[in-house]
Amino acid sequence: MKKKRIILPTDFSNNSWNAIEYALIVFKDVPCDFFILNSYQVGASGLSTKMAGANDTRLYNLIKEQSERDLKRDLEKIKKLDKNPEHKFIARSVADTLVNAIGKTVYNEEIDYIIMGTKGSSGLKEVFIGSNTYNVIKDIDFCPIIAVPDDYRPDGKIDAILLATGYEHLFENYELKPVLSLAEHFNAKLWITHIGTLDELTSKQKASKLALEKRLKSVNYEFVEIEKDTSVNQTIQKVVDMDRTIDMVVMINQDHSFFERLTREPVIKKVTFNTKVPFLVIHLFM
């Protein structure tokens, strides 16, 4: 695998550190530039952040210094864990919203992946508190994102990857590259999973499935049809529970996807909150 450039956003929580450890373990044999990114704001809005920065206020300086101090501490921890000389670590302390800080870094540094932690959630917590990771998935639509559950512990391998698709799009090679790159590097089995039956496929979906086969020649893959449970999210979680070799779930994010048209279920959001294995979201290039 060629050199990768990866953003590791952190708020210095255990959840963020777990995602950092995941990245270091999974990409341990891959040359990488890691951007350890902390964003902070003074006040409730970006405007107040800019005003505080311009005025060089005491509060702004205190928060900035704390961010830089915590980043330095994390870098010291990382360097104790990671001995790969082909790994480079760049600390970034940015006065901005998390989405803006990540978006600008992706654009300026030609980033390959964003890897960040996500907490499981349910009920009122899911509705009202929301998730930084989901907001990034929703708003950063020009870079693949890997959401790592806070209780997930990697073993350094990816044995199998589940790609859930409705065959609604004729995927281009560059759109599949983020998942194929991982499958090739780890020699992972790729399960192309459609929730439903082949009899229900339209002619457009059948053409997409055939085109997808032609783009998968470099990896070990298999197509599987799975009967839908009470929801698409629950079906995906059930498959992961049944097959312990699955180390990653992948979905292509696009407006009004097949799954969401079929079920009116916000599938990407549901999987982000409930996934038990890392969840790779690849945005559809339009």
Protein backbone atom coordinates (compact mmCIF):
# COMPACT_ATOMS: atom_id res chain seq x y z
CA MET A 1 0.00 0.00 0.00
CA LYS A 2 1.41 3.40 -0.96
CA LYS A 3 1.90 6.14 1.60
CA LYS A 4 -1.31 7.30 3.27
CA ARG A 5 -2.21 10.67 4.76
CA ILE A 6 -4.63 10.32 7.66
CA ILE A 7 -6.38 12.77 9.99
CA LEU A 8 -6.87 11.65 13.59
CA PRO A 9 -9.21 14.21 15.23
CA THR A 10 -9.00 14.26 19.02
CA ASP A 11 -10.74 15.89 21.95
CA PHE A 12 -8.32 14.03 24.27
CA SER A 13 -11.02 11.63 25.44
CA ASN A 14 -10.61 7.86 25.82
CA ASN A 15 -12.87 7.55 22.78
CA SER A 16 -10.48 9.62 20.64
CA TRP A 17 -7.43 7.78 21.95
CA ASN A 18 -9.00 4.43 21.06
CA ALA A 19 -9.41 5.60 17.44
CA ILE A 20 -5.77 6.76 17.39
CA GLU A 21 -4.61 3.36 18.66
CA TYR A 22 -6.77 1.66 16.01
CA ALA A 23 -5.10 3.69 13.24
CA LEU A 24 -1.60 2.94 14.55
CA ILE A 25 -2.31 -0.80 14.75
CA VAL A 26 -4.15 -1.19 11.43
CA PHE A 27 -1.66 0.93 9.47
CA LYS A 28 1.39 -0.30 11.37
CA ASP A 29 3.10 -1.59 8.19
CA VAL A 30 2.00 1.25 5.92
CA PRO A 31 4.02 4.48 5.41
CA CYS A 32 1.78 7.23 6.79
CA ASP A 33 1.60 10.91 7.62
CA PHE A 34 -0.75 11.22 10.60
CA PHE A 35 -2.31 14.61 11.37
CA ILE A 36 -3.32 14.69 15.06
CA LEU A 37 -5.96 17.42 15.01
CA ASN A 38 -7.63 19.24 17.89
CA SER A 39 -10.12 22.03 17.22
CA TYR A 40 -11.42 24.45 19.81
CA GLN A 41 -13.76 27.41 20.02
CA VAL A 42 -14.10 30.36 22.35
CA GLY A 43 -17.76 31.17 22.79
CA ALA A 44 -20.74 29.62 21.07
CA SER A 45 -19.94 30.46 17.45
CA GLY A 46 -17.16 30.63 14.92
CA LEU A 47 -17.60 34.42 14.87
CA SER A 48 -16.80 34.70 18.56
CA THR A 49 -13.80 32.43 18.03
CA LYS A 50 -12.42 34.77 15.37
CA MET A 51 -13.11 37.83 17.49
CA ALA A 52 -11.40 36.23 20.46
CA GLY A 53 -8.42 35.27 18.31
CA ALA A 54 -8.17 38.77 16.82
CA ASN A 55 -8.34 40.41 20.22
CA ASP A 56 -5.82 37.96 21.65
CA THR A 57 -7.96 37.53 24.73
CA ARG A 58 -6.77 35.76 27.83
CA LEU A 59 -9.44 33.06 27.49
CA TYR A 60 -8.43 32.37 23.91
CA ASN A 61 -4.78 32.03 24.92
CA LEU A 62 -5.62 29.71 27.81
CA ILE A 63 -7.64 27.40 25.57
CA LYS A 64 -5.00 27.49 22.83
CA GLU A 65 -2.20 26.67 25.28
CA GLN A 66 -4.22 23.81 26.79
CA SER A 67 -4.88 22.36 23.32
CA GLU A 68 -1.18 22.55 22.40
CA ARG A 69 -0.16 21.04 25.75
CA ASP A 70 -2.59 18.13 25.40
CA LEU A 71 -1.47 17.52 21.80
CA LYS A 72 2.15 17.38 22.95
CA ARG A 73 1.20 14.85 25.63
CA ASP A 74 -0.62 12.66 23.08
CA LEU A 75 2.33 12.83 20.68
CA GLU A 76 4.63 11.59 23.44
CA LYS A 77 2.26 8.68 24.12
CA ILE A 78 2.06 7.88 20.40
CA LYS A 79 5.84 7.83 19.98
CA LYS A 80 6.15 5.33 22.83
CA LEU A 81 3.70 3.03 21.05
CA ASP A 82 4.73 3.54 17.42
CA LYS A 83 8.26 2.71 16.31
CA ASN A 84 7.72 2.68 12.54
CA PRO A 85 10.28 5.11 11.03
CA GLU A 86 7.95 5.58 8.05
CA HIS A 87 5.28 7.08 10.29
CA LYS A 88 5.30 10.86 10.58
CA PHE A 89 3.13 12.71 13.12
CA ILE A 90 1.99 16.31 12.66
CA ALA A 91 0.12 18.03 15.51
CA ARG A 92 -2.50 20.61 14.56
CA SER A 93 -4.23 22.88 17.06
CA VAL A 94 -6.94 24.84 15.22
CA ALA A 95 -9.32 27.57 16.43
CA ASP A 96 -12.41 26.60 14.47
CA THR A 97 -15.34 24.19 14.44
CA LEU A 98 -14.41 20.53 14.16
CA VAL A 99 -16.00 20.19 10.70
CA ASN A 100 -14.23 23.30 9.36
CA ALA A 101 -10.87 22.28 10.85
CA ILE A 102 -11.10 18.79 9.34
CA GLY A 103 -12.41 20.05 5.99
CA LYS A 104 -9.60 22.57 5.52
CA THR A 105 -6.98 19.99 6.48
CA VAL A 106 -8.43 17.42 4.05
CA TYR A 107 -8.37 19.97 1.25
CA ASN A 108 -4.90 21.42 1.98
CA GLU A 109 -3.11 18.15 2.81
CA GLU A 110 -4.70 15.75 0.28
CA ILE A 111 -5.93 13.39 2.99
CA ASP A 112 -6.77 9.73 2.26
CA TYR A 113 -8.79 8.86 5.38
CA ILE A 114 -10.29 10.50 8.46
CA ILE A 115 -10.32 8.09 11.42
CA MET A 116 -12.27 9.04 14.53
CA GLY A 117 -14.09 7.45 17.42
CA THR A 118 -17.82 7.04 17.79
CA LYS A 119 -19.88 6.18 20.86
CA GLY A 120 -22.78 3.78 20.78
CA SER A 121 -26.06 5.52 21.45
CA SER A 122 -29.77 4.92 21.60
CA GLY A 123 -33.12 6.56 22.18
CA LEU A 124 -33.20 10.17 23.36
CA LYS A 125 -29.42 10.40 23.52
CA GLU A 126 -29.17 9.61 19.81
CA VAL A 127 -31.84 12.16 18.90
CA PHE A 128 -30.77 15.11 21.05
CA ILE A 129 -27.05 14.85 21.72
CA GLY A 130 -25.95 13.84 18.26
CA SER A 131 -22.40 12.88 17.37
CA ASN A 132 -19.31 14.76 16.21
CA THR A 133 -18.46 11.77 14.05
CA TYR A 134 -21.85 11.73 12.34
CA ASN A 135 -21.64 15.48 11.73
CA VAL A 136 -18.27 14.97 10.05
CA ILE A 137 -19.67 12.11 7.93
CA LYS A 138 -22.62 14.29 6.97
CA ASP A 139 -20.68 17.46 6.14
CA ILE A 140 -17.27 16.27 4.90
CA ASP A 141 -18.39 14.65 1.67
CA PHE A 142 -15.01 14.63 -0.07
CA CYS A 143 -12.97 12.19 2.03
CA PRO A 144 -13.51 8.61 3.28
CA ILE A 145 -14.20 8.40 7.02
CA ILE A 146 -13.63 5.44 9.34
CA ALA A 147 -15.74 5.55 12.52
CA VAL A 148 -14.27 3.38 15.28
CA PRO A 149 -16.56 2.18 18.12
CA ASP A 150 -15.22 3.10 21.55
CA ASP A 151 -15.12 -0.53 22.72
CA TYR A 152 -13.52 -1.98 19.56
CA ARG A 153 -10.08 -3.55 20.00
CA PRO A 154 -8.20 -4.34 16.75
CA ASP A 155 -5.79 -7.26 16.35
CA GLY A 156 -3.89 -5.66 13.47
CA LYS A 157 -5.70 -7.67 10.78
CA ILE A 158 -8.72 -7.13 8.58
CA ASP A 159 -9.99 -10.60 7.65
CA ALA A 160 -13.26 -9.66 5.98
CA ILE A 161 -15.05 -6.48 4.92
CA LEU A 162 -18.80 -6.18 4.45
CA LEU A 163 -19.82 -3.72 1.72
CA ALA A 164 -23.57 -3.09 1.97
CA THR A 165 -25.03 -1.79 -1.28
CA GLY A 166 -28.31 -1.42 -3.11
CA TYR A 167 -26.57 -1.60 -6.53
CA GLU A 168 -27.95 1.85 -7.22
CA HIS A 169 -24.85 3.30 -8.87
CA LEU A 170 -22.29 2.32 -11.51
CA PHE A 171 -19.24 2.64 -9.27
CA GLU A 172 -16.03 4.02 -10.74
CA ASN A 173 -12.64 2.62 -9.74
CA TYR A 174 -11.68 5.77 -7.83
CA GLU A 175 -14.90 5.58 -5.79
CA LEU A 176 -14.11 2.01 -4.69
CA LYS A 177 -10.40 2.68 -4.14
CA PRO A 178 -10.64 3.40 -0.35
CA VAL A 179 -12.11 -0.06 0.34
CA LEU A 180 -10.20 -1.98 -2.35
CA SER A 181 -6.91 -0.57 -1.07
CA LEU A 182 -7.63 -2.01 2.39
CA ALA A 183 -8.89 -5.35 1.01
CA GLU A 184 -5.77 -5.76 -1.13
CA HIS A 185 -3.33 -4.82 1.62
CA PHE A 186 -4.86 -7.17 4.20
CA ASN A 187 -5.86 -9.86 1.70
CA ALA A 188 -9.34 -9.50 3.16
CA LYS A 189 -12.44 -11.22 1.83
CA LEU A 190 -14.93 -8.65 0.50
CA TRP A 191 -18.58 -9.54 1.06
CA ILE A 192 -20.81 -7.52 -1.31
CA THR A 193 -24.05 -7.58 0.62
CA HIS A 194 -27.46 -6.73 -0.79
CA ILE A 195 -30.38 -6.71 1.62
CA GLY A 196 -33.27 -8.26 -0.28
CA THR A 197 -33.50 -10.78 -3.11
CA LEU A 198 -32.09 -10.84 -6.64
CA ASP A 199 -35.63 -11.20 -7.99
CA GLU A 200 -36.39 -7.66 -6.80
CA LEU A 201 -33.52 -6.02 -8.70
CA THR A 202 -34.37 -3.58 -11.50
CA SER A 203 -32.51 -3.73 -14.80
CA LYS A 204 -30.41 -0.74 -13.66
CA GLN A 205 -29.44 -2.52 -10.43
CA LYS A 206 -28.54 -5.69 -12.35
CA ALA A 207 -26.29 -3.65 -14.67
CA SER A 208 -24.63 -2.04 -11.64
CA LYS A 209 -24.00 -5.46 -10.08
CA LEU A 210 -22.37 -6.73 -13.28
CA ALA A 211 -20.20 -3.61 -13.56
CA LEU A 212 -19.18 -3.97 -9.92
CA GLU A 213 -17.96 -7.53 -10.56
CA LYS A 214 -15.58 -6.26 -13.24
CA ARG A 215 -14.06 -3.76 -10.81
CA LEU A 216 -13.35 -6.36 -8.10
CA LYS A 217 -10.84 -8.55 -9.96
CA SER A 218 -7.98 -7.51 -7.67
CA VAL A 219 -9.62 -8.87 -4.48
CA ASN A 220 -11.25 -12.01 -3.10
CA TYR A 221 -14.99 -11.26 -3.11
CA GLU A 222 -18.40 -12.85 -2.94
CA PHE A 223 -21.92 -11.55 -3.48
CA VAL A 224 -24.49 -12.40 -0.80
CA GLU A 225 -28.19 -11.70 -0.49
CA ILE A 226 -29.55 -11.16 3.00
CA GLU A 227 -33.19 -11.03 4.01
CA LYS A 228 -34.07 -7.75 5.68
CA ASP A 229 -34.67 -7.80 9.44
CA THR A 230 -36.74 -5.09 11.14
CA SER A 231 -34.37 -2.43 9.73
CA VAL A 232 -31.35 -2.23 7.44
CA ASN A 233 -29.16 -1.19 10.38
CA GLN A 234 -30.31 -4.15 12.49
CA THR A 235 -29.76 -6.49 9.55
CA ILE A 236 -26.16 -5.27 9.15
CA GLN A 237 -25.49 -5.58 12.90
CA LYS A 238 -26.96 -9.10 12.87
CA VAL A 239 -24.65 -10.17 10.02
CA VAL A 240 -21.62 -8.79 11.91
CA ASP A 241 -22.69 -10.67 15.05
CA MET A 242 -23.07 -13.93 13.10
CA ASP A 243 -19.72 -13.68 11.28
CA ARG A 244 -16.89 -12.78 13.63
CA THR A 245 -14.40 -12.54 10.74
CA ILE A 246 -15.98 -9.24 9.62
CA ASP A 247 -13.67 -6.44 10.78
CA MET A 248 -15.22 -3.55 8.88
CA VAL A 249 -18.54 -2.43 7.44
CA VAL A 250 -18.53 -0.17 4.37
CA MET A 251 -21.31 1.89 2.84
CA ILE A 252 -21.43 4.40 0.02
CA ASN A 253 -23.11 7.60 1.20
CA GLN A 254 -25.36 9.35 -1.27
CA ASP A 255 -28.55 11.38 -1.07
CA HIS A 256 -31.68 9.24 -1.22
CA SER A 257 -29.83 5.92 -1.45
CA PHE A 258 -31.60 2.67 -2.30
CA PHE A 259 -31.81 1.70 1.38
CA GLU A 260 -33.23 5.04 2.46
CA ARG A 261 -35.77 5.16 -0.39
CA LEU A 262 -36.82 1.62 0.47
CA THR A 263 -37.13 2.06 4.23
CA ARG A 264 -37.13 5.81 4.98
CA GLU A 265 -34.48 4.84 7.50
CA PRO A 266 -31.45 7.15 8.00
CA VAL A 267 -29.16 4.16 7.50
CA ILE A 268 -25.75 5.89 7.62
CA LYS A 269 -26.70 7.67 10.85
CA LYS A 270 -28.08 4.49 12.44
CA VAL A 271 -25.00 2.43 11.55
CA THR A 272 -22.67 5.20 12.79
CA PHE A 273 -24.34 5.12 16.20
CA ASN A 274 -24.71 1.35 16.47
CA THR A 275 -21.80 -0.27 14.64
CA LYS A 276 -19.78 -2.88 16.56
CA VAL A 277 -16.87 -2.84 14.11
CA PRO A 278 -15.19 0.09 12.33
CA PHE A 279 -17.49 1.69 9.77
CA LEU A 280 -16.00 3.10 6.55
CA VAL A 281 -18.18 5.67 4.78
CA ILE A 282 -17.25 6.52 1.18
CA HIS A 283 -19.04 9.46 -0.35
CA LEU A 284 -20.42 9.27 -3.84
CA PHE A 285 -18.51 11.49 -6.26
CA MET A 286 -21.00 13.41 -8.39
